[in-house]
PDB file of N, CA and C in Angstrom:
ATOM      1  N   MET A   1      30.298 -31.780 -75.097  1.00  0.00           N
ATOM      2  CA  MET A   1      29.843 -30.955 -76.522  1.00  0.00           C
ATOM      3  C   MET A   1      29.280 -29.311 -75.280  1.00  0.00           C
ATOM      4  N   THR A   2      29.910 -28.402 -76.365  1.00  0.00           N
ATOM      5  CA  THR A   2      29.747 -27.443 -75.470  1.00  0.00           C
ATOM      6  C   THR A   2      28.549 -26.766 -75.998  1.00  0.00           C
ATOM      7  N   SER A   3      27.636 -25.615 -75.200  1.00  0.00           N
ATOM      8  CA  SER A   3      26.710 -25.128 -75.777  1.00  0.00           C
ATOM      9  C   SER A   3      26.896 -23.629 -75.734  1.00  0.00           C
ATOM     10  N   ASP A   4      26.378 -22.805 -76.593  1.00  0.00           N
ATOM     11  CA  ASP A   4      26.416 -21.707 -76.498  1.00  0.00           C
ATOM     12  C   ASP A   4      25.808 -20.594 -75.775  1.00  0.00           C
ATOM     13  N   PRO A   5      26.350 -20.272 -74.639  1.00  0.00           N
ATOM     14  CA  PRO A   5      25.818 -19.465 -73.375  1.00  0.00           C
ATOM     15  C   PRO A   5      24.755 -18.565 -73.727  1.00  0.00           C
ATOM     16  N   ILE A   6      24.817 -17.735 -75.291  1.00  0.00           N
ATOM     17  CA  ILE A   6      23.321 -16.965 -75.556  1.00  0.00           C
ATOM     18  C   ILE A   6      22.177 -17.355 -75.899  1.00  0.00           C
ATOM     19  N   ILE A   7      22.460 -18.870 -76.232  1.00  0.00           N
ATOM     20  CA  ILE A   7      21.031 -19.666 -76.797  1.00  0.00           C
ATOM     21  C   ILE A   7      20.852 -20.620 -75.408  1.00  0.00           C
ATOM     22  N   ASN A   8      19.734 -20.328 -75.102  1.00  0.00           N
ATOM     23  CA  ASN A   8      19.558 -21.361 -73.751  1.00  0.00           C
ATOM     24  C   ASN A   8      18.035 -21.778 -74.503  1.00  0.00           C
ATOM     25  N   LYS A   9      17.879 -22.975 -73.281  1.00  0.00           N
ATOM     26  CA  LYS A   9      16.692 -23.631 -74.035  1.00  0.00           C
ATOM     27  C   LYS A   9      15.245 -23.106 -74.074  1.00  0.00           C
ATOM     28  N   VAL A  10      14.926 -22.006 -73.883  1.00  0.00           N
ATOM     29  CA  VAL A  10      13.833 -20.700 -73.810  1.00  0.00           C
ATOM     30  C   VAL A  10      13.928 -20.222 -75.092  1.00  0.00           C
ATOM     31  N   ASP A  11      15.467 -20.176 -75.704  1.00  0.00           N
ATOM     32  CA  ASP A  11      15.337 -19.356 -76.833  1.00  0.00           C
ATOM     33  C   ASP A  11      15.443 -20.642 -78.007  1.00  0.00           C
ATOM     34  N   GLU A  12      15.563 -21.399 -78.143  1.00  0.00           N
ATOM     35  CA  GLU A  12      14.904 -22.593 -78.647  1.00  0.00           C
ATOM     36  C   GLU A  12      14.076 -22.764 -78.824  1.00  0.00           C
ATOM     37  N   GLU A  13      13.118 -23.064 -77.970  1.00  0.00           N
ATOM     38  CA  GLU A  13      11.693 -23.443 -77.818  1.00  0.00           C
ATOM     39  C   GLU A  13      11.272 -22.128 -78.588  1.00  0.00           C
ATOM     40  N   PHE A  14      11.072 -20.684 -78.002  1.00  0.00           N
ATOM     41  CA  PHE A  14      10.795 -19.617 -78.731  1.00  0.00           C
ATOM     42  C   PHE A  14      10.875 -19.493 -80.485  1.00  0.00           C
ATOM     43  N   SER A  15      12.539 -19.945 -80.829  1.00  0.00           N
ATOM     44  CA  SER A  15      12.242 -20.113 -81.765  1.00  0.00           C
ATOM     45  C   SER A  15      11.453 -21.147 -83.051  1.00  0.00           C
ATOM     46  N   LEU A  16      11.430 -22.086 -81.838  1.00  0.00           N
ATOM     47  CA  LEU A  16      10.484 -23.751 -82.770  1.00  0.00           C
ATOM     48  C   LEU A  16       9.272 -23.041 -82.984  1.00  0.00           C
ATOM     49  N   GLN A  17       8.781 -22.533 -81.959  1.00  0.00           N
ATOM     50  CA  GLN A  17       7.437 -21.607 -81.868  1.00  0.00           C
ATOM     51  C   GLN A  17       6.854 -20.776 -82.628  1.00  0.00           C
ATOM     52  N   LEU A  18       8.059 -20.033 -82.880  1.00  0.00           N
ATOM     53  CA  LEU A  18       7.685 -18.810 -83.572  1.00  0.00           C
ATOM     54  C   LEU A  18       7.921 -19.163 -85.481  1.00  0.00           C
ATOM     55  N   THR A  19       8.723 -20.308 -85.683  1.00  0.00           N
ATOM     56  CA  THR A  19       8.680 -21.067 -86.871  1.00  0.00           C
ATOM     57  C   THR A  19       7.414 -21.877 -87.200  1.00  0.00           C
ATOM     58  N   LYS A  20       6.962 -22.542 -86.184  1.00  0.00           N
ATOM     59  CA  LYS A  20       5.519 -23.096 -86.086  1.00  0.00           C
ATOM     60  C   LYS A  20       4.273 -22.033 -86.673  1.00  0.00           C
ATOM     61  N   LEU A  21       4.415 -20.846 -86.264  1.00  0.00           N
ATOM     62  CA  LEU A  21       3.282 -19.970 -86.492  1.00  0.00           C
ATOM     63  C   LEU A  21       3.442 -18.927 -87.173  1.00  0.00           C
ATOM     64  N   ILE A  22       4.959 -18.989 -88.172  1.00  0.00           N
ATOM     65  CA  ILE A  22       5.175 -18.730 -89.377  1.00  0.00           C
ATOM     66  C   ILE A  22       4.663 -19.594 -90.212  1.00  0.00           C
ATOM     67  N   LYS A  23       4.782 -20.431 -90.257  1.00  0.00           N
ATOM     68  CA  LYS A  23       4.133 -21.629 -91.146  1.00  0.00           C
ATOM     69  C   LYS A  23       2.852 -21.885 -91.186  1.00  0.00           C
ATOM     70  N   ASN A  24       1.991 -21.803 -90.358  1.00  0.00           N
ATOM     71  CA  ASN A  24       0.968 -22.219 -90.413  1.00  0.00           C
ATOM     72  C   ASN A  24      -0.027 -20.555 -91.345  1.00  0.00           C
ATOM     73  N   TYR A  25       0.716 -19.125 -90.616  1.00  0.00           N
ATOM     74  CA  TYR A  25      -0.040 -18.135 -91.214  1.00  0.00           C
ATOM     75  C   TYR A  25       0.364 -18.558 -92.551  1.00  0.00           C
ATOM     76  N   VAL A  26       1.812 -18.478 -93.067  1.00  0.00           N
ATOM     77  CA  VAL A  26       2.120 -18.641 -93.988  1.00  0.00           C
ATOM     78  C   VAL A  26       0.730 -20.091 -94.851  1.00  0.00           C
ATOM     79  N   LEU A  27       0.452 -20.816 -94.078  1.00  0.00           N
ATOM     80  CA  LEU A  27      -0.420 -21.635 -95.234  1.00  0.00           C
ATOM     81  C   LEU A  27      -1.895 -21.277 -95.107  1.00  0.00           C
ATOM     82  N   GLU A  28      -2.129 -21.002 -94.262  1.00  0.00           N
ATOM     83  CA  GLU A  28      -3.272 -19.575 -93.989  1.00  0.00           C
ATOM     84  C   GLU A  28      -3.585 -18.642 -95.227  1.00  0.00           C
ATOM     85  N   LEU A  29      -2.615 -18.024 -95.155  1.00  0.00           N
ATOM     86  CA  LEU A  29      -2.690 -16.943 -96.349  1.00  0.00           C
ATOM     87  C   LEU A  29      -2.747 -17.776 -97.490  1.00  0.00           C
ATOM     88  N   VAL A  30      -2.090 -18.373 -97.978  1.00  0.00           N
ATOM     89  CA  VAL A  30      -1.760 -19.038 -99.093  1.00  0.00           C
ATOM     90  C   VAL A  30      -3.328 -19.706 -99.455  1.00  0.00           C
ATOM     91  N   ASN A  31      -3.502 -20.573 -98.195  1.00  0.00           N
ATOM     92  CA  ASN A  31      -5.399 -21.251 -98.971  1.00  0.00           C
ATOM     93  C   ASN A  31      -6.145 -20.039 -98.957  1.00  0.00           C
ATOM     94  N   HIS A  32      -6.163 -18.519 -97.860  1.00  0.00           N
ATOM     95  CA  HIS A  32      -7.123 -17.934 -98.259  1.00  0.00           C
ATOM     96  C   HIS A  32      -7.244 -17.083 -99.560  1.00  0.00           C
ATOM     97  N   GLU A  33      -5.598 -16.951-100.107  1.00  0.00           N
ATOM     98  CA  GLU A  33      -5.405 -16.371-101.558  1.00  0.00           C
ATOM     99  C   GLU A  33      -6.385 -17.277-102.206  1.00  0.00           C
ATOM    100  N   VAL A  34      -5.964 -18.852-102.288  1.00  0.00           N
ATOM    101  CA  VAL A  34      -6.381 -19.720-103.456  1.00  0.00           C
ATOM    102  C   VAL A  34      -8.051 -19.453-103.661  1.00  0.00           C
ATOM    103  N   ASP A  35      -9.060 -19.187-102.336  1.00  0.00           N
ATOM    104  CA  ASP A  35     -10.392 -19.292-101.940  1.00  0.00           C
ATOM    105  C   ASP A  35     -10.457 -18.156-102.800  1.00  0.00           C
ATOM    106  N   VAL A  36     -10.050 -16.968-102.874  1.00  0.00           N
ATOM    107  CA  VAL A  36     -10.219 -15.630-103.076  1.00  0.00           C
ATOM    108  C   VAL A  36     -10.100 -15.688-104.794  1.00  0.00           C
ATOM    109  N   ILE A  37      -8.986 -16.709-105.420  1.00  0.00           N
ATOM    110  CA  ILE A  37      -9.142 -16.438-106.973  1.00  0.00           C
ATOM    111  C   ILE A  37      -9.893 -17.768-107.067  1.00  0.00           C
ATOM    112  N   THR A  38     -10.599 -18.697-106.351  1.00  0.00           N
ATOM    113  CA  THR A  38     -11.448 -19.636-107.356  1.00  0.00           C
ATOM    114  C   THR A  38     -12.756 -18.963-107.279  1.00  0.00           C
ATOM    115  N   ASP A  39     -12.860 -18.348-106.217  1.00  0.00           N
ATOM    116  CA  ASP A  39     -14.335 -17.641-106.081  1.00  0.00           C
ATOM    117  C   ASP A  39     -14.516 -16.273-107.011  1.00  0.00           C
ATOM    118  N   SER A  40     -13.690 -16.181-108.048  1.00  0.00           N
ATOM    119  CA  SER A  40     -13.744 -14.856-108.525  1.00  0.00           C
ATOM    120  C   SER A  40     -14.444 -15.295-109.757  1.00  0.00           C
ATOM    121  N   ASP A  41     -14.966 -13.809-110.415  1.00  0.00           N
ATOM    122  CA  ASP A  41     -15.320 -14.407-112.188  1.00  0.00           C
ATOM    123  C   ASP A  41     -14.131 -15.014-113.075  1.00  0.00           C
ATOM    124  N   TRP A  42     -13.298 -14.217-112.586  1.00  0.00           N
ATOM    125  CA  TRP A  42     -12.033 -14.833-113.796  1.00  0.00           C
ATOM    126  C   TRP A  42     -12.289 -16.376-113.629  1.00  0.00           C
ATOM    127  N   PHE A  43     -11.777 -16.891-112.439  1.00  0.00           N
ATOM    128  CA  PHE A  43     -11.380 -17.735-112.369  1.00  0.00           C
ATOM    129  C   PHE A  43     -12.653 -18.616-112.938  1.00  0.00           C
ATOM    130  N   ASP A  44     -13.947 -18.725-112.727  1.00  0.00           N
ATOM    131  CA  ASP A  44     -14.990 -19.173-112.990  1.00  0.00           C
ATOM    132  C   ASP A  44     -15.047 -19.082-114.479  1.00  0.00           C
ATOM    133  N   GLN A  45     -14.643 -18.317-115.592  1.00  0.00           N
ATOM    134  CA  GLN A  45     -15.007 -18.050-116.638  1.00  0.00           C
ATOM    135  C   GLN A  45     -13.458 -19.172-117.165  1.00  0.00           C
ATOM    136  N   LYS A  46     -12.583 -19.388-116.719  1.00  0.00           N
ATOM    137  CA  LYS A  46     -11.273 -20.127-117.108  1.00  0.00           C
ATOM    138  C   LYS A  46     -11.889 -21.539-116.790  1.00  0.00           C
ATOM    139  N   ILE A  47     -12.460 -21.879-115.784  1.00  0.00           N
ATOM    140  CA  ILE A  47     -12.953 -23.220-115.309  1.00  0.00           C
ATOM    141  C   ILE A  47     -14.204 -23.630-116.682  1.00  0.00           C
ATOM    142  N   LYS A  48     -15.070 -22.746-116.909  1.00  0.00           N
ATOM    143  CA  LYS A  48     -15.723 -22.560-118.218  1.00  0.00           C
ATOM    144  C   LYS A  48     -15.175 -23.304-119.002  1.00  0.00           C
ATOM    145  N   ASP A  49     -14.371 -22.332-119.668  1.00  0.00           N
ATOM    146  CA  ASP A  49     -13.470 -22.564-120.513  1.00  0.00           C
ATOM    147  C   ASP A  49     -12.600 -23.741-120.701  1.00  0.00           C
ATOM    148  N   VAL A  50     -12.064 -24.436-119.865  1.00  0.00           N
ATOM    149  CA  VAL A  50     -11.078 -25.213-120.160  1.00  0.00           C
ATOM    150  C   VAL A  50     -12.264 -27.330-120.060  1.00  0.00           C
ATOM    151  N   VAL A  51     -13.357 -26.914-119.354  1.00  0.00           N
ATOM    152  CA  VAL A  51     -14.552 -27.616-119.396  1.00  0.00           C
ATOM    153  C   VAL A  51     -14.893 -27.567-120.284  1.00  0.00           C
ATOM    154  N   GLU A  52     -15.801 -26.742-121.361  1.00  0.00           N
ATOM    155  CA  GLU A  52     -16.276 -26.726-122.198  1.00  0.00           C
ATOM    156  C   GLU A  52     -15.105 -27.322-123.731  1.00  0.00           C
ATOM    157  N   GLU A  53     -13.982 -26.898-123.243  1.00  0.00           N
ATOM    158  CA  GLU A  53     -13.072 -27.835-124.276  1.00  0.00           C
ATOM    159  C   GLU A  53     -12.938 -29.054-124.573  1.00  0.00           C
ATOM    160  N   THR A  54     -12.709 -29.679-122.615  1.00  0.00           N
ATOM    161  CA  THR A  54     -12.523 -30.994-122.757  1.00  0.00           C
ATOM    162  C   THR A  54     -13.892 -32.082-122.835  1.00  0.00           C
ATOM    163  N   THR A  55     -14.626 -30.862-122.389  1.00  0.00           N
ATOM    164  CA  THR A  55     -16.456 -31.912-122.955  1.00  0.00           C
ATOM    165  C   THR A  55     -17.539 -31.369-123.263  1.00  0.00           C
ATOM    166  N   PRO A  56     -16.869 -30.939-124.761  1.00  0.00           N
ATOM    167  CA  PRO A  56     -18.053 -29.963-125.309  1.00  0.00           C
ATOM    168  C   PRO A  56     -19.820 -30.125-125.232  1.00  0.00           C
ATOM    169  N   ASN A  57     -19.997 -31.480-124.738  1.00  0.00           N
ATOM    170  CA  ASN A  57     -21.501 -31.724-124.986  1.00  0.00           C
ATOM    171  C   ASN A  57     -21.869 -32.204-124.023  1.00  0.00           C
ATOM    172  N   GLN A  58     -21.120 -31.511-122.552  1.00  0.00           N
ATOM    173  CA  GLN A  58     -21.464 -31.751-121.363  1.00  0.00           C
ATOM    174  C   GLN A  58     -21.709 -29.993-120.631  1.00  0.00           C
ATOM    175  N   LYS A  59     -22.561 -29.879-119.632  1.00  0.00           N
ATOM    176  CA  LYS A  59     -22.670 -28.713-119.157  1.00  0.00           C
ATOM    177  C   LYS A  59     -22.367 -28.889-117.805  1.00  0.00           C
ATOM    178  N   TRP A  60     -21.444 -28.228-116.606  1.00  0.00           N
ATOM    179  CA  TRP A  60     -20.844 -27.953-115.605  1.00  0.00           C
ATOM    180  C   TRP A  60     -21.447 -26.699-115.229  1.00  0.00           C
ATOM    181  N   VAL A  61     -22.145 -26.900-114.171  1.00  0.00           N
ATOM    182  CA  VAL A  61     -22.513 -25.765-113.392  1.00  0.00           C
ATOM    183  C   VAL A  61     -22.489 -25.437-111.983  1.00  0.00           C
ATOM    184  N   LYS A  62     -22.918 -24.397-111.438  1.00  0.00           N
ATOM    185  CA  LYS A  62     -23.016 -24.135-110.013  1.00  0.00           C
ATOM    186  C   LYS A  62     -23.797 -25.128-109.241  1.00  0.00           C
ATOM    187  N   SER A  63     -23.737 -25.083-107.637  1.00  0.00           N
ATOM    188  CA  SER A  63     -25.055 -26.178-107.021  1.00  0.00           C
ATOM    189  C   SER A  63     -26.004 -25.319-107.331  1.00  0.00           C
ATOM    190  N   LYS A  64     -25.834 -24.022-107.100  1.00  0.00           N
ATOM    191  CA  LYS A  64     -27.485 -23.605-107.450  1.00  0.00           C
ATOM    192  C   LYS A  64     -28.074 -23.992-108.517  1.00  0.00           C
ATOM    193  N   GLU A  65     -27.392 -23.906-109.478  1.00  0.00           N
ATOM    194  CA  GLU A  65     -28.237 -24.256-110.907  1.00  0.00           C
ATOM    195  C   GLU A  65     -28.697 -25.844-110.848  1.00  0.00           C
ATOM    196  N   VAL A  66     -28.222 -26.596-110.464  1.00  0.00           N
ATOM    197  CA  VAL A  66     -28.446 -27.955-110.253  1.00  0.00           C
ATOM    198  C   VAL A  66     -29.646 -27.763-109.687  1.00  0.00           C
ATOM    199  N   ALA A  67     -29.578 -27.469-108.288  1.00  0.00           N
ATOM    200  CA  ALA A  67     -31.240 -27.456-107.226  1.00  0.00           C
ATOM    201  C   ALA A  67     -32.159 -26.846-107.922  1.00  0.00           C
ATOM    202  N   ALA A  68     -31.403 -25.183-108.922  1.00  0.00           N
ATOM    203  CA  ALA A  68     -33.139 -24.846-109.863  1.00  0.00           C
ATOM    204  C   ALA A  68     -33.206 -25.732-110.492  1.00  0.00           C
ATOM    205  N   CYS A  69     -33.022 -26.698-111.211  1.00  0.00           N
ATOM    206  CA  CYS A  69     -33.180 -27.475-112.083  1.00  0.00           C
ATOM    207  C   CYS A  69     -33.749 -28.569-111.396  1.00  0.00           C
ATOM    208  N   LEU A  70     -33.474 -28.696-110.386  1.00  0.00           N
ATOM    209  CA  LEU A  70     -34.278 -30.085-109.831  1.00  0.00           C
ATOM    210  C   LEU A  70     -35.750 -29.405-109.128  1.00  0.00           C
ATOM    211  N   ASN A  71     -35.341 -28.196-108.991  1.00  0.00           N
ATOM    212  CA  ASN A  71     -36.625 -27.648-108.081  1.00  0.00           C
ATOM    213  C   ASN A  71     -36.576 -27.790-106.310  1.00  0.00           C
ATOM    214  N   ILE A  72     -35.269 -27.784-106.280  1.00  0.00           N
ATOM    215  CA  ILE A  72     -35.333 -27.984-104.541  1.00  0.00           C
ATOM    216  C   ILE A  72     -33.547 -26.841-104.411  1.00  0.00           C
ATOM    217  N   SER A  73     -34.339 -26.158-102.963  1.00  0.00           N
ATOM    218  CA  SER A  73     -33.095 -25.535-102.391  1.00  0.00           C
ATOM    219  C   SER A  73     -31.889 -25.725-102.393  1.00  0.00           C
ATOM    220  N   THR A  74     -30.950 -25.061-102.256  1.00  0.00           N
ATOM    221  CA  THR A  74     -29.505 -25.373-102.571  1.00  0.00           C
ATOM    222  C   THR A  74     -29.052 -25.871-101.553  1.00  0.00           C
ATOM    223  N   PRO A  75     -29.474 -25.796-100.006  1.00  0.00           N
ATOM    224  CA  PRO A  75     -28.808 -26.241 -98.849  1.00  0.00           C
ATOM    225  C   PRO A  75     -29.393 -28.426 -98.826  1.00  0.00           C
ATOM    226  N   TYR A  76     -30.903 -28.025 -99.567  1.00  0.00           N
ATOM    227  CA  TYR A  76     -30.853 -29.657 -99.514  1.00  0.00           C
ATOM    228  C   TYR A  76     -30.534 -29.954-100.307  1.00  0.00           C
ATOM    229  N   PHE A  77     -29.945 -29.609-101.647  1.00  0.00           N
ATOM    230  CA  PHE A  77     -29.175 -30.563-102.657  1.00  0.00           C
ATOM    231  C   PHE A  77     -27.746 -31.073-101.996  1.00  0.00           C
ATOM    232  N   HIS A  78     -27.115 -29.372-101.440  1.00  0.00           N
ATOM    233  CA  HIS A  78     -25.882 -29.791-100.728  1.00  0.00           C
ATOM    234  C   HIS A  78     -25.806 -31.056 -99.551  1.00  0.00           C
ATOM    235  N   GLN A  79     -27.107 -30.880 -99.179  1.00  0.00           N
ATOM    236  CA  GLN A  79     -27.384 -32.325 -97.884  1.00  0.00           C
ATOM    237  C   GLN A  79     -27.742 -33.606 -98.790  1.00  0.00           C
ATOM    238  N   LYS A  80     -28.315 -33.619 -99.639  1.00  0.00           N
ATOM    239  CA  LYS A  80     -28.623 -34.891-100.126  1.00  0.00           C
ATOM    240  C   LYS A  80     -27.707 -35.057-101.106  1.00  0.00           C
ATOM    241  N   ALA A  81     -26.644 -34.648-101.328  1.00  0.00           N
ATOM    242  CA  ALA A  81     -25.054 -34.779-102.508  1.00  0.00           C
ATOM    243  C   ALA A  81     -24.620 -35.146-101.354  1.00  0.00           C
ATOM    244  N   ARG A  82     -24.153 -34.759-100.065  1.00  0.00           N
ATOM    245  CA  ARG A  82     -22.981 -35.494 -99.323  1.00  0.00           C
ATOM    246  C   ARG A  82     -23.378 -36.691 -99.394  1.00  0.00           C
ATOM    247  N   ILE A  83     -25.288 -36.599 -98.828  1.00  0.00           N
ATOM    248  CA  ILE A  83     -25.249 -38.523 -98.206  1.00  0.00           C
ATOM    249  C   ILE A  83     -24.906 -38.997-100.072  1.00  0.00           C
ATOM    250  N   LEU A  84     -25.687 -39.162-100.611  1.00  0.00           N
ATOM    251  CA  LEU A  84     -25.320 -39.685-102.284  1.00  0.00           C
ATOM    252  C   LEU A  84     -23.926 -39.833-102.275  1.00  0.00           C
ATOM    253  N   GLU A  85     -23.218 -39.177-102.088  1.00  0.00           N
ATOM    254  CA  GLU A  85     -21.183 -38.907-102.538  1.00  0.00           C
ATOM    255  C   GLU A  85     -20.649 -39.881-101.307  1.00  0.00           C
ATOM    256  N   LYS A  86     -21.277 -39.963-100.081  1.00  0.00           N
ATOM    257  CA  LYS A  86     -20.836 -40.857 -99.112  1.00  0.00           C
ATOM    258  C   LYS A  86     -20.965 -42.692 -99.670  1.00  0.00           C
ATOM    259  N   LYS A  87     -22.830 -42.633-100.187  1.00  0.00           N
ATOM    260  CA  LYS A  87     -22.787 -43.814-100.644  1.00  0.00           C
ATOM    261  C   LYS A  87     -22.010 -44.347-101.349  1.00  0.00           C
ATOM    262  N   GLY A  88     -21.130 -43.329-102.544  1.00  0.00           N
ATOM    263  CA  GLY A  88     -20.616 -44.088-103.896  1.00  0.00           C
ATOM    264  C   GLY A  88     -21.328 -43.914-105.187  1.00  0.00           C
ATOM    265  N   ILE A  89     -22.776 -42.875-104.817  1.00  0.00           N
ATOM    266  CA  ILE A  89     -23.380 -42.892-105.897  1.00  0.00           C
ATOM    267  C   ILE A  89     -23.294 -41.643-107.175  1.00  0.00           C
ATOM    268  N   LEU A  90     -22.770 -40.581-106.080  1.00  0.00           N
ATOM    269  CA  LEU A  90     -22.341 -39.416-106.865  1.00  0.00           C
ATOM    270  C   LEU A  90     -20.655 -39.296-107.128  1.00  0.00           C
ATOM    271  N   GLU A  91     -20.166 -39.228-108.060  1.00  0.00           N
ATOM    272  CA  GLU A  91     -18.424 -39.938-108.025  1.00  0.00           C
ATOM    273  C   GLU A  91     -17.741 -38.425-108.519  1.00  0.00           C
ATOM    274  N   GLN A  92     -16.876 -37.771-108.475  1.00  0.00           N
ATOM    275  CA  GLN A  92     -15.785 -37.600-107.995  1.00  0.00           C
ATOM    276  C   GLN A  92     -14.792 -37.352-109.821  1.00  0.00           C
ATOM    277  N   SER A  93     -15.179 -36.631-110.807  1.00  0.00           N
ATOM    278  CA  SER A  93     -14.535 -36.473-112.127  1.00  0.00           C
ATOM    279  C   SER A  93     -16.010 -36.831-112.903  1.00  0.00           C
ATOM    280  N   ILE A  94     -17.265 -37.657-112.556  1.00  0.00           N
ATOM    281  CA  ILE A  94     -17.957 -38.180-113.320  1.00  0.00           C
ATOM    282  C   ILE A  94     -19.172 -36.957-113.322  1.00  0.00           C
ATOM    283  N   HIS A  95     -19.243 -36.744-112.067  1.00  0.00           N
ATOM    284  CA  HIS A  95     -21.288 -35.975-111.561  1.00  0.00           C
ATOM    285  C   HIS A  95     -20.556 -34.307-110.918  1.00  0.00           C
ATOM    286  N   TYR A  96     -19.159 -34.334-110.302  1.00  0.00           N
ATOM    287  CA  TYR A  96     -19.049 -33.124-109.831  1.00  0.00           C
ATOM    288  C   TYR A  96     -16.479 -32.978-110.215  1.00  0.00           C
ATOM    289  N   PHE A  97     -16.685 -31.903-109.817  1.00  0.00           N
ATOM    290  CA  PHE A  97     -15.530 -31.524-109.320  1.00  0.00           C
ATOM    291  C   PHE A  97     -15.457 -30.659-108.650  1.00  0.00           C
ATOM    292  N   ARG A  98     -14.186 -30.297-107.582  1.00  0.00           N
ATOM    293  CA  ARG A  98     -14.038 -28.991-107.158  1.00  0.00           C
ATOM    294  C   ARG A  98     -12.974 -28.015-108.092  1.00  0.00           C
ATOM    295  N   THR A  99     -13.127 -26.966-107.562  1.00  0.00           N
ATOM    296  CA  THR A  99     -12.475 -25.709-108.158  1.00  0.00           C
ATOM    297  C   THR A  99     -11.535 -26.083-107.843  1.00  0.00           C
ATOM    298  N   GLY A 100     -10.798 -25.719-106.434  1.00  0.00           N
ATOM    299  CA  GLY A 100      -9.123 -25.612-105.935  1.00  0.00           C
ATOM    300  C   GLY A 100      -9.093 -26.904-104.914  1.00  0.00           C
ATOM    301  N   ASN A 101      -8.134 -26.846-103.610  1.00  0.00           N
ATOM    302  CA  ASN A 101      -7.765 -28.148-103.259  1.00  0.00           C
ATOM    303  C   ASN A 101      -8.209 -27.476-101.952  1.00  0.00           C
ATOM    304  N   SER A 102      -8.673 -26.628-101.502  1.00  0.00           N
ATOM    305  CA  SER A 102      -9.469 -25.854-100.222  1.00  0.00           C
ATOM    306  C   SER A 102     -10.351 -26.822-100.285  1.00  0.00           C
ATOM    307  N   THR A 103     -10.717 -26.920 -98.247  1.00  0.00           N
ATOM    308  CA  THR A 103     -12.347 -27.444 -98.246  1.00  0.00           C
ATOM    309  C   THR A 103     -13.094 -26.630 -98.426  1.00  0.00           C
ATOM    310  N   SER A 104     -12.880 -25.315 -98.684  1.00  0.00           N
ATOM    311  CA  SER A 104     -14.066 -24.526 -98.891  1.00  0.00           C
ATOM    312  C   SER A 104     -14.248 -24.155-100.625  1.00  0.00           C
ATOM    313  N   SER A 105     -13.194 -24.366-101.534  1.00  0.00           N
ATOM    314  CA  SER A 105     -13.524 -24.692-102.691  1.00  0.00           C
ATOM    315  C   SER A 105     -15.370 -24.809-103.196  1.00  0.00           C
ATOM    316  N   SER A 106     -15.195 -24.069-104.464  1.00  0.00           N
ATOM    317  CA  SER A 106     -16.996 -25.233-104.981  1.00  0.00           C
ATOM    318  C   SER A 106     -16.281 -25.581-105.841  1.00  0.00           C
ATOM    319  N   TYR A 107     -17.814 -26.347-106.316  1.00  0.00           N
ATOM    320  CA  TYR A 107     -17.833 -27.519-106.574  1.00  0.00           C
ATOM    321  C   TYR A 107     -18.452 -27.095-108.237  1.00  0.00           C
ATOM    322  N   ARG A 108     -18.357 -27.757-109.081  1.00  0.00           N
ATOM    323  CA  ARG A 108     -19.311 -27.648-110.196  1.00  0.00           C
ATOM    324  C   ARG A 108     -19.947 -29.257-110.909  1.00  0.00           C
ATOM    325  N   TRP A 109     -21.052 -28.920-111.211  1.00  0.00           N
ATOM    326  CA  TRP A 109     -21.576 -30.303-111.415  1.00  0.00           C
ATOM    327  C   TRP A 109     -21.889 -30.598-113.044  1.00  0.00           C
ATOM    328  N   ASN A 110     -21.987 -32.111-112.951  1.00  0.00           N
ATOM    329  CA  ASN A 110     -22.374 -32.306-114.435  1.00  0.00           C
ATOM    330  C   ASN A 110     -23.983 -31.935-114.631  1.00  0.00           C
ATOM    331  N   LEU A 111     -24.551 -31.164-114.999  1.00  0.00           N
ATOM    332  CA  LEU A 111     -25.518 -31.081-115.082  1.00  0.00           C
ATOM    333  C   LEU A 111     -26.701 -32.349-114.995  1.00  0.00           C
ATOM    334  N   THR A 112     -26.448 -33.013-116.551  1.00  0.00           N
ATOM    335  CA  THR A 112     -27.503 -33.757-116.682  1.00  0.00           C
ATOM    336  C   THR A 112     -27.329 -35.294-115.833  1.00  0.00           C
ATOM    337  N   LYS A 113     -25.883 -35.713-115.386  1.00  0.00           N
ATOM    338  CA  LYS A 113     -25.760 -37.249-114.999  1.00  0.00           C
ATOM    339  C   LYS A 113     -26.206 -36.659-113.668  1.00  0.00           C
ATOM    340  N   THR A 114     -25.969 -35.526-112.422  1.00  0.00           N
ATOM    341  CA  THR A 114     -26.413 -35.270-111.634  1.00  0.00           C
ATOM    342  C   THR A 114     -27.968 -35.395-111.392  1.00  0.00           C
ATOM    343  N   SER A 115     -28.540 -34.748-112.497  1.00  0.00           N
ATOM    344  CA  SER A 115     -30.101 -34.516-112.361  1.00  0.00           C
ATOM    345  C   SER A 115     -30.233 -35.865-111.956  1.00  0.00           C
ATOM    346  N   ARG A 116     -30.033 -36.810-113.144  1.00  0.00           N
ATOM    347  CA  ARG A 116     -30.348 -37.914-113.394  1.00  0.00           C
ATOM    348  C   ARG A 116     -30.519 -38.741-112.237  1.00  0.00           C
ATOM    349  N   VAL A 117     -28.805 -38.409-111.286  1.00  0.00           N
ATOM    350  CA  VAL A 117     -28.821 -39.430-110.279  1.00  0.00           C
ATOM    351  C   VAL A 117     -30.010 -39.146-109.296  1.00  0.00           C
ATOM    352  N   PHE A 118     -30.462 -37.609-109.123  1.00  0.00           N
ATOM    353  CA  PHE A 118     -31.117 -37.252-107.771  1.00  0.00           C
ATOM    354  C   PHE A 118     -32.644 -37.607-108.781  1.00  0.00           C
ATOM    355  N   LYS A 119     -32.931 -37.486-109.567  1.00  0.00           N
ATOM    356  CA  LYS A 119     -34.230 -37.981-109.749  1.00  0.00           C
ATOM    357  C   LYS A 119     -34.138 -39.312-109.441  1.00  0.00           C
ATOM    358  N   GLU A 120     -33.442 -40.169-109.881  1.00  0.00           N
ATOM    359  CA  GLU A 120     -33.103 -41.804-109.303  1.00  0.00           C
ATOM    360  C   GLU A 120     -33.099 -42.090-107.893  1.00  0.00           C
ATOM    361  N   ASN A 121     -32.418 -41.407-107.372  1.00  0.00           N
ATOM    362  CA  ASN A 121     -32.196 -41.715-105.796  1.00  0.00           C
ATOM    363  C   ASN A 121     -32.577 -40.433-104.600  1.00  0.00           C
ATOM    364  N   VAL A 122     -33.416 -39.629-105.125  1.00  0.00           N
ATOM    365  CA  VAL A 122     -33.764 -38.499-104.142  1.00  0.00           C
ATOM    366  C   VAL A 122     -35.258 -38.501-104.422  1.00  0.00           C
ATOM    367  N   LYS A 123     -36.049 -38.724-103.130  1.00  0.00           N
ATOM    368  CA  LYS A 123     -37.417 -38.953-102.922  1.00  0.00           C
ATOM    369  C   LYS A 123     -38.181 -37.689-102.767  1.00  0.00           C
TER     370      LYS A 123
END
């Protein structure tokens, strides 16, 4: 097997590293754009419209609104929600949903169901 004298092992390694760098950059850029879109008022309204169409008798709200209803701080709400989620008490699609696939995507909470769970399980 003959090798190309112009392309050597260093060139191949550089090409692989450059490809990996570009791939990671594109993924990071896409995730950032998703975060920007999902944090916008436009997206928030689209989510509200779809949720109201599919679950007309239930109110889906941001974390700060649930916390205010429960008369607790938003960070405390997040802390307890993580614990209740790990225990399987808070369930996705029943009590909450995420507005995107990114780890930084925001949550929407079913106000009635989530409040009930907190009142029953958080002292």
